[in-house]
Protein backbone atom coordinates (compact mmCIF):
# COMPACT_ATOMS: atom_id res chain seq x y z
CA UNK A 1 -71.06 58.30 130.32
CA UNK A 2 -67.94 60.28 129.78
CA UNK A 3 -65.15 57.92 128.76
CA UNK A 4 -62.17 59.90 127.40
CA UNK A 5 -60.11 58.60 124.60
CA UNK A 6 -57.35 60.93 123.55
CA UNK A 7 -58.95 64.17 122.53
CA UNK A 8 -62.42 62.58 122.20
CA UNK A 9 -65.02 61.67 124.78
CA UNK A 10 -68.10 59.43 124.67
CA UNK A 11 -71.43 61.37 124.70
CA UNK A 12 -73.71 58.44 123.76
CA UNK A 13 -73.51 54.66 124.18
CA UNK A 14 -76.47 52.58 122.92
CA UNK A 15 -77.36 49.55 120.84
CA UNK A 16 -80.54 51.34 119.52
CA UNK A 17 -79.86 52.01 115.86
CA UNK A 18 -82.66 54.58 115.63
CA UNK A 19 -81.23 56.67 118.42
CA UNK A 20 -77.72 56.53 116.83
CA UNK A 21 -79.15 57.73 113.38
CA UNK A 22 -81.00 60.64 115.02
CA UNK A 23 -78.03 61.57 117.17
CA UNK A 24 -75.80 61.58 114.06
CA UNK A 25 -78.26 63.76 112.25
CA UNK A 26 -78.57 66.25 115.11
CA UNK A 27 -74.78 66.44 115.53
CA UNK A 28 -74.37 66.89 111.70
CA UNK A 29 -77.00 69.69 111.77
CA UNK A 30 -75.11 71.34 114.71
CA UNK A 31 -71.76 71.03 112.87
CA UNK A 32 -70.24 68.85 115.58
CA UNK A 33 -67.72 66.18 114.13
CA UNK A 34 -68.03 62.76 115.88
CA UNK A 35 -66.58 59.30 115.61
CA UNK A 36 -68.57 56.04 115.97
CA UNK A 37 -66.78 53.16 117.76
CA UNK A 38 -67.66 49.64 118.55
CA UNK A 39 -65.80 46.27 118.20
CA UNK A 40 -62.65 48.15 118.96
CA UNK A 41 -62.76 49.98 115.57
CA UNK A 42 -63.33 53.81 115.00
CA UNK A 43 -65.12 55.23 111.92
CA UNK A 44 -65.34 58.82 110.88
CA UNK A 45 -68.87 60.04 110.89
CA UNK A 46 -69.21 59.96 107.18
CA UNK A 47 -68.81 56.17 106.95
CA UNK A 48 -72.11 54.33 107.43
CA UNK A 49 -70.55 51.26 109.02
CA UNK A 50 -71.82 51.27 112.54
CA UNK A 51 -70.02 48.46 114.34
CA UNK A 52 -71.11 47.27 117.69
CA UNK A 53 -68.93 46.32 120.63
CA UNK A 54 -69.33 42.93 122.44
CA UNK A 55 -72.33 44.28 124.29
CA UNK A 56 -74.03 45.32 121.07
CA UNK A 57 -73.44 48.85 121.84
CA UNK A 58 -72.08 51.70 119.73
CA UNK A 59 -70.20 54.67 121.23
CA UNK A 60 -70.54 58.08 119.73
CA UNK A 61 -67.57 60.24 120.54
CA UNK A 62 -66.84 63.83 120.01
CA UNK A 63 -63.87 66.26 120.53
CA UNK A 64 -63.62 66.95 124.30
CA UNK A 65 -64.05 70.67 123.69
CA UNK A 66 -67.30 70.08 121.90
CA UNK A 67 -68.69 67.60 124.36
CA UNK A 68 -70.82 69.96 126.36
CA UNK A 69 -72.56 71.27 123.21
CA UNK A 70 -72.98 67.69 121.93
CA UNK A 71 -74.65 66.61 125.20
CA UNK A 72 -77.03 69.46 124.87
CA UNK A 73 -77.97 68.56 121.34
CA UNK A 74 -78.68 64.87 122.08
CA UNK A 75 -80.04 65.35 125.68
CA UNK A 76 -83.53 64.24 124.71
CA UNK A 77 -82.30 61.19 122.81
CA UNK A 78 -80.24 60.05 125.91
CA UNK A 79 -83.33 60.37 128.13
CA UNK A 80 -85.50 58.57 125.58
CA UNK A 81 -82.89 55.70 125.26
CA UNK A 82 -82.66 55.42 129.05
CA UNK A 83 -86.45 55.26 129.40
CA UNK A 84 -86.62 52.57 126.69
CA UNK A 85 -83.99 50.51 128.45
CA UNK A 86 -85.92 50.54 131.73
CA UNK A 87 -89.01 48.83 130.08
């Protein structure tokens, strides 16, 4: 899950709104800026308009230089989301 888009890379792709909300909180707390994308639109993190793409998924993107830290911050969420999708 590492789609690069300019200076940003995807660190989370999910349709689970609870996972998205917690991930946003964790990244805010860590001081990591992010962008939410879906339906071909980008929103800065301070806009609460989480659009989904055609698959019902939202992508959470961070600056490429912050991607390793962001992945560490949300690692447990990614695992939780994966486990939930397998059920």
